[in-house]
C-alpha atoms as a PDB file:
ATOM      1  CA  MET A   1      -0.157  -0.177  -0.190  1.00  0.00           C
ATOM      2  CA  ARG A   2       2.682   2.630   1.235  1.00  0.00           C
ATOM      3  CA  ASN A   3       4.714   1.706  -2.316  1.00  0.00           C
ATOM      4  CA  ARG A   4       1.534   2.277  -4.328  1.00  0.00           C
ATOM      5  CA  LEU A   5       0.516   5.761  -2.355  1.00  0.00           C
ATOM      6  CA  ILE A   6       3.586   7.035  -3.029  1.00  0.00           C
ATOM      7  CA  GLU A   7       3.605   5.844  -6.833  1.00  0.00           C
ATOM      8  CA  LEU A   8       0.364   7.761  -7.065  1.00  0.00           C
ATOM      9  CA  ILE A   9       1.627  10.930  -5.184  1.00  0.00           C
ATOM     10  CA  LEU A  10       5.284  11.430  -7.776  1.00  0.00           C
ATOM     11  CA  GLU A  11       2.579  10.180 -10.449  1.00  0.00           C
ATOM     12  CA  ARG A  12      -0.142  13.241  -9.616  1.00  0.00           C
ATOM     13  CA  SER A  13       0.559  15.019  -7.084  1.00  0.00           C
ATOM     14  CA  TYR A  14       4.558  15.985  -7.225  1.00  0.00           C
ATOM     15  CA  ARG A  15       6.060  18.689  -9.549  1.00  0.00           C
ATOM     16  CA  TYR A  16       9.313  20.125  -9.674  1.00  0.00           C
ATOM     17  CA  ASN A  17      10.474  23.056 -11.368  1.00  0.00           C
ATOM     18  CA  GLU A  18      14.071  24.964 -10.799  1.00  0.00           C
ATOM     19  CA  GLU A  19      13.536  27.466 -13.266  1.00  0.00           C
ATOM     20  CA  SER A  20       9.971  28.633 -12.715  1.00  0.00           C
ATOM     21  CA  PRO A  21       9.331  27.583  -8.867  1.00  0.00           C
ATOM     22  CA  PHE A  22       6.143  27.464  -7.655  1.00  0.00           C
ATOM     23  CA  LEU A  23       4.830  29.972  -5.118  1.00  0.00           C
ATOM     24  CA  LEU A  24       3.048  28.448  -2.338  1.00  0.00           C
ATOM     25  CA  SER A  25       0.480  29.298   0.290  1.00  0.00           C
ATOM     26  CA  SER A  26       2.641  30.409   2.736  1.00  0.00           C
ATOM     27  CA  GLY A  27       4.013  33.626   0.412  1.00  0.00           C
ATOM     28  CA  ARG A  28       7.421  31.320  -0.389  1.00  0.00           C
ATOM     29  CA  LEU A  29       8.831  30.279  -3.985  1.00  0.00           C
ATOM     30  CA  SER A  30       9.794  26.790  -4.120  1.00  0.00           C
ATOM     31  CA  PRO A  31      11.021  24.162  -6.866  1.00  0.00           C
ATOM     32  CA  TYR A  32       8.761  21.533  -5.426  1.00  0.00           C
ATOM     33  CA  TYR A  33       4.931  21.504  -5.397  1.00  0.00           C
ATOM     34  CA  ILE A  34       2.647  18.813  -3.504  1.00  0.00           C
ATOM     35  CA  ASP A  35      -0.482  18.885  -4.825  1.00  0.00           C
ATOM     36  CA  CYS A  36      -2.245  15.851  -2.823  1.00  0.00           C
ATOM     37  CA  LYS A  37      -5.653  17.032  -3.559  1.00  0.00           C
ATOM     38  CA  GLN A  38      -4.975  15.117  -7.530  1.00  0.00           C
ATOM     39  CA  VAL A  39      -4.450  11.836  -5.077  1.00  0.00           C
ATOM     40  CA  THR A  40      -7.402  12.087  -2.072  1.00  0.00           C
ATOM     41  CA  PHE A  41      -9.743  12.766  -4.757  1.00  0.00           C
ATOM     42  CA  LEU A  42      -8.855   9.485  -6.221  1.00  0.00           C
ATOM     43  CA  PRO A  43     -11.157   6.308  -5.371  1.00  0.00           C
ATOM     44  CA  GLU A  44      -7.728   4.293  -4.797  1.00  0.00           C
ATOM     45  CA  GLY A  45      -5.638   7.530  -3.632  1.00  0.00           C
ATOM     46  CA  GLN A  46      -8.971   7.511  -0.812  1.00  0.00           C
ATOM     47  CA  PHE A  47      -8.798   3.611  -0.414  1.00  0.00           C
ATOM     48  CA  LEU A  48      -4.975   3.550   0.221  1.00  0.00           C
ATOM     49  CA  ILE A  49      -4.963   7.104   2.705  1.00  0.00           C
ATOM     50  CA  GLY A  50      -7.969   5.623   4.592  1.00  0.00           C
ATOM     51  CA  GLN A  51      -6.317   2.558   5.085  1.00  0.00           C
ATOM     52  CA  MET A  52      -2.872   3.951   6.003  1.00  0.00           C
ATOM     53  CA  ILE A  53      -4.480   6.365   8.361  1.00  0.00           C
ATOM     54  CA  PHE A  54      -6.901   3.782   9.785  1.00  0.00           C
ATOM     55  CA  SER A  55      -4.014   1.680  10.697  1.00  0.00           C
ATOM     56  CA  ILE A  56      -2.620   4.514  12.478  1.00  0.00           C
ATOM     57  CA  ILE A  57      -5.078   5.925  14.589  1.00  0.00           C
ATOM     58  CA  GLU A  58      -7.339   2.777  15.194  1.00  0.00           C
ATOM     59  CA  LYS A  59      -5.776   2.064  19.072  1.00  0.00           C
ATOM     60  CA  LEU A  60      -6.500   5.385  19.792  1.00  0.00           C
ATOM     61  CA  ASP A  61     -10.298   5.165  19.729  1.00  0.00           C
ATOM     62  CA  PRO A  62     -10.717   9.170  18.556  1.00  0.00           C
ATOM     63  CA  LYS A  63     -14.658  10.327  18.258  1.00  0.00           C
ATOM     64  CA  GLY A  64     -14.025  12.228  15.144  1.00  0.00           C
ATOM     65  CA  ILE A  65     -11.828  12.662  12.046  1.00  0.00           C
ATOM     66  CA  GLY A  66     -10.913  16.183  10.399  1.00  0.00           C
ATOM     67  CA  GLY A  67      -9.530  19.344   9.674  1.00  0.00           C
ATOM     68  CA  MET A  68      -9.466  22.475   7.755  1.00  0.00           C
ATOM     69  CA  THR A  69     -11.787  22.278   4.832  1.00  0.00           C
ATOM     70  CA  LEU A  70     -10.893  21.460   1.947  1.00  0.00           C
ATOM     71  CA  GLY A  71      -7.079  19.591   2.203  1.00  0.00           C
ATOM     72  CA  ALA A  72      -8.705  17.487   4.829  1.00  0.00           C
ATOM     73  CA  ASP A  73     -12.304  16.831   4.037  1.00  0.00           C
ATOM     74  CA  PRO A  74     -11.548  13.831   1.228  1.00  0.00           C
ATOM     75  CA  ILE A  75      -9.234  12.291   3.543  1.00  0.00           C
ATOM     76  CA  ALA A  76     -11.274  12.514   6.745  1.00  0.00           C
ATOM     77  CA  ILE A  77     -14.237  10.573   4.783  1.00  0.00           C
ATOM     78  CA  SER A  78     -12.009   7.936   3.286  1.00  0.00           C
ATOM     79  CA  VAL A  79     -10.888   7.075   6.819  1.00  0.00           C
ATOM     80  CA  SER A  80     -14.290   7.099   8.011  1.00  0.00           C
ATOM     81  CA  LEU A  81     -15.501   4.737   5.516  1.00  0.00           C
ATOM     82  CA  ILE A  82     -12.503   2.682   5.780  1.00  0.00           C
ATOM     83  CA  SER A  83     -13.542   2.725   9.866  1.00  0.00           C
ATOM     84  CA  TYR A  84     -16.979   1.941   9.093  1.00  0.00           C
ATOM     85  CA  LEU A  85     -15.873  -1.206   7.022  1.00  0.00           C
ATOM     86  CA  LYS A  86     -13.929  -2.549   9.473  1.00  0.00           C
ATOM     87  CA  ASN A  87     -16.641  -2.173  12.226  1.00  0.00           C
ATOM     88  CA  LYS A  88     -14.886   1.004  14.309  1.00  0.00           C
ATOM     89  CA  PRO A  89     -16.646   3.814  13.320  1.00  0.00           C
ATOM     90  CA  ILE A  90     -14.893   7.533  13.021  1.00  0.00           C
ATOM     91  CA  PRO A  91     -17.489  10.051  12.192  1.00  0.00           C
ATOM     92  CA  SER A  92     -15.593  13.130  10.382  1.00  0.00           C
ATOM     93  CA  PHE A  93     -16.111  16.512  10.466  1.00  0.00           C
ATOM     94  CA  SER A  94     -14.871  20.179   8.921  1.00  0.00           C
ATOM     95  CA  VAL A  95     -13.333  23.197  10.416  1.00  0.00           C
ATOM     96  CA  ARG A  96     -14.610  25.996   8.071  1.00  0.00           C
ATOM     97  CA  LYS A  97     -12.095  28.700   7.348  1.00  0.00           C
ATOM     98  CA  GLU A  98     -15.133  31.141   8.220  1.00  0.00           C
ATOM     99  CA  PRO A  99     -18.400  30.842  10.571  1.00  0.00           C
ATOM    100  CA  LYS A 100     -21.227  29.544   8.894  1.00  0.00           C
ATOM    101  CA  LYS A 101     -23.315  33.144   7.869  1.00  0.00           C
ATOM    102  CA  HIS A 102     -27.081  31.683   8.339  1.00  0.00           C
ATOM    103  CA  GLY A 103     -28.828  29.250  11.028  1.00  0.00           C
ATOM    104  CA  THR A 104     -26.200  27.718  13.911  1.00  0.00           C
ATOM    105  CA  LEU A 105     -23.207  29.639  12.754  1.00  0.00           C
ATOM    106  CA  LYS A 106     -20.965  27.139  13.391  1.00  0.00           C
ATOM    107  CA  TRP A 107     -17.420  26.701  12.512  1.00  0.00           C
ATOM    108  CA  ILE A 108     -17.282  22.879  12.248  1.00  0.00           C
ATOM    109  CA  GLU A 109     -19.533  20.696  10.191  1.00  0.00           C
ATOM    110  CA  GLY A 110     -20.246  16.846  11.638  1.00  0.00           C
ATOM    111  CA  ASN A 111     -21.653  15.030  14.230  1.00  0.00           C
ATOM    112  CA  ILE A 112     -18.761  15.181  16.893  1.00  0.00           C
ATOM    113  CA  GLU A 113     -20.039  16.112  20.119  1.00  0.00           C
ATOM    114  CA  SER A 114     -17.881  18.995  22.171  1.00  0.00           C
ATOM    115  CA  GLY A 115     -15.411  17.258  24.422  1.00  0.00           C
ATOM    116  CA  SER A 116     -14.815  14.490  22.010  1.00  0.00           C
ATOM    117  CA  GLU A 117     -11.123  13.637  21.265  1.00  0.00           C
ATOM    118  CA  VAL A 118     -10.493  13.733  17.316  1.00  0.00           C
ATOM    119  CA  VAL A 119      -7.609  13.515  15.263  1.00  0.00           C
ATOM    120  CA  VAL A 120      -6.210  16.445  12.941  1.00  0.00           C
ATOM    121  CA  VAL A 121      -5.638  16.034   9.173  1.00  0.00           C
ATOM    122  CA  ASP A 122      -4.533  17.667   6.918  1.00  0.00           C
ATOM    123  CA  ASP A 123      -2.786  16.911   3.033  1.00  0.00           C
ATOM    124  CA  VAL A 124       0.242  19.093   3.312  1.00  0.00           C
ATOM    125  CA  ILE A 125       2.595  21.038   5.773  1.00  0.00           C
ATOM    126  CA  THR A 126       5.111  23.502   5.077  1.00  0.00           C
ATOM    127  CA  THR A 127       4.197  25.932   7.884  1.00  0.00           C
ATOM    128  CA  GLY A 128       1.743  24.036   9.492  1.00  0.00           C
ATOM    129  CA  LYS A 129      -0.618  27.024   9.568  1.00  0.00           C
ATOM    130  CA  SER A 130      -4.139  25.926   8.480  1.00  0.00           C
ATOM    131  CA  THR A 131      -3.330  22.790  10.591  1.00  0.00           C
ATOM    132  CA  ILE A 132      -2.785  25.109  13.483  1.00  0.00           C
ATOM    133  CA  ASP A 133      -5.954  27.294  12.456  1.00  0.00           C
ATOM    134  CA  ALA A 134      -7.726  24.079  12.861  1.00  0.00           C
ATOM    135  CA  ILE A 135      -6.564  22.839  15.946  1.00  0.00           C
ATOM    136  CA  LYS A 136      -7.245  26.223  17.473  1.00  0.00           C
ATOM    137  CA  ARG A 137     -10.400  26.069  16.343  1.00  0.00           C
ATOM    138  CA  LEU A 138     -11.411  23.255  17.773  1.00  0.00           C
ATOM    139  CA  ARG A 139     -10.013  23.563  21.142  1.00  0.00           C
ATOM    140  CA  GLU A 140     -12.047  27.123  21.171  1.00  0.00           C
ATOM    141  CA  GLU A 141     -14.808  24.740  20.345  1.00  0.00           C
ATOM    142  CA  GLY A 142     -14.099  22.027  23.513  1.00  0.00           C
ATOM    143  CA  TYR A 143     -12.434  19.185  21.035  1.00  0.00           C
ATOM    144  CA  LYS A 144      -9.615  17.168  21.802  1.00  0.00           C
ATOM    145  CA  PRO A 145      -7.006  17.285  19.278  1.00  0.00           C
ATOM    146  CA  LEU A 146      -5.045  13.856  19.976  1.00  0.00           C
ATOM    147  CA  ILE A 147      -2.794  13.669  16.806  1.00  0.00           C
ATOM    148  CA  VAL A 148      -2.096  15.262  13.380  1.00  0.00           C
ATOM    149  CA  ILE A 149      -1.630  12.864  10.669  1.00  0.00           C
ATOM    150  CA  VAL A 150      -0.593  15.009   7.541  1.00  0.00           C
ATOM    151  CA  ILE A 151       0.161  12.748   4.379  1.00  0.00           C
ATOM    152  CA  VAL A 152       3.126  14.776   3.003  1.00  0.00           C
ATOM    153  CA  ASP A 153       5.514  16.748   5.292  1.00  0.00           C
ATOM    154  CA  ARG A 154       7.331  19.588   2.819  1.00  0.00           C
ATOM    155  CA  GLU A 155      10.192  19.587   5.947  1.00  0.00           C
ATOM    156  CA  GLU A 156      10.313  23.165   5.527  1.00  0.00           C
ATOM    157  CA  ASN A 157       9.482  26.155   7.442  1.00  0.00           C
ATOM    158  CA  ASN A 158       8.892  24.103  10.901  1.00  0.00           C
ATOM    159  CA  GLY A 159       5.867  22.998   9.923  1.00  0.00           C
ATOM    160  CA  LYS A 160       5.650  19.938  12.066  1.00  0.00           C
ATOM    161  CA  GLU A 161       7.719  22.011  14.715  1.00  0.00           C
ATOM    162  CA  ASN A 162       5.134  24.792  14.816  1.00  0.00           C
ATOM    163  CA  ILE A 163       2.279  21.901  15.371  1.00  0.00           C
ATOM    164  CA  GLU A 164       3.689  20.229  18.283  1.00  0.00           C
ATOM    165  CA  SER A 165       4.948  23.233  19.568  1.00  0.00           C
ATOM    166  CA  MET A 166       1.144  22.992  20.656  1.00  0.00           C
ATOM    167  CA  GLY A 167       1.357  19.748  22.241  1.00  0.00           C
ATOM    168  CA  ILE A 168       0.307  17.264  19.137  1.00  0.00           C
ATOM    169  CA  LYS A 169       2.280  14.674  17.935  1.00  0.00           C
ATOM    170  CA  VAL A 170       2.466  15.033  14.259  1.00  0.00           C
ATOM    171  CA  GLU A 171       2.812  11.814  11.538  1.00  0.00           C
ATOM    172  CA  PRO A 172       3.581  11.916   8.169  1.00  0.00           C
ATOM    173  CA  LEU A 173       2.745   9.241   6.123  1.00  0.00           C
ATOM    174  CA  PHE A 174       5.450  10.789   3.732  1.00  0.00           C
ATOM    175  CA  LYS A 175       8.563  13.441   3.992  1.00  0.00           C
ATOM    176  CA  LEU A 176       9.122  15.238   1.141  1.00  0.00           C
ATOM    177  CA  SER A 177      12.843  13.719   1.400  1.00  0.00           C
ATOM    178  CA  GLU A 178      11.139  10.324   1.105  1.00  0.00           C
ATOM    179  CA  LEU A 179       9.570  11.071  -2.402  1.00  0.00           C
ATOM    180  CA  ARG A 180      12.812  13.006  -4.092  1.00  0.00           C
ATOM    181  CA  ASP A 181      14.710   9.084  -2.239  1.00  0.00           C
ATOM    182  CA  TYR A 182      12.126   6.945  -3.881  1.00  0.00           C
ATOM    183  CA  LEU A 183      12.487   9.185  -7.414  1.00  0.00           C
ATOM    184  CA  SER A 184      16.268   8.541  -7.602  1.00  0.00           C
ATOM    185  CA  SER A 185      16.335   4.465  -6.507  1.00  0.00           C
ATOM    186  CA  PRO A 186      16.757   2.233  -8.897  1.00  0.00           C
END
């Protein structure tokens, strides 16, 4: 599973261009761009991601899984579906970037009770800003984040360290250096 997921990421999500670097959401330029949504929205990618993350969090017995919309949404839904198939259902949720403008004015969408222990997911971390924003919002709403699982840690701008400074362990499925090493292996 791990090898197939790394192949999908390299085929569909990973870009390298030293001459024309990519503008990242952090405002930095980088020769590497990783658009994991090209994998997280694929059925095969969802299956592999769901299986891998579920195997990491199963023993934690979280009451929910999610993160900042849009990057976290397909990841959380994939894990939630796999958890149901394994008879250990974990509901998914989304953290809005802005509160709902009508009705309940909610920041968190999903069927997760306040006070619940949850897993936070994201597709890629560079500075960790969107993941940190999700964690802050979850804590403000009474949730207890247990761990952060990210598909790719870019290993730049102290993203992992920034998140872990909030007292939450970060578990990447892959690091940028692993993707590069995989490309250069025979």
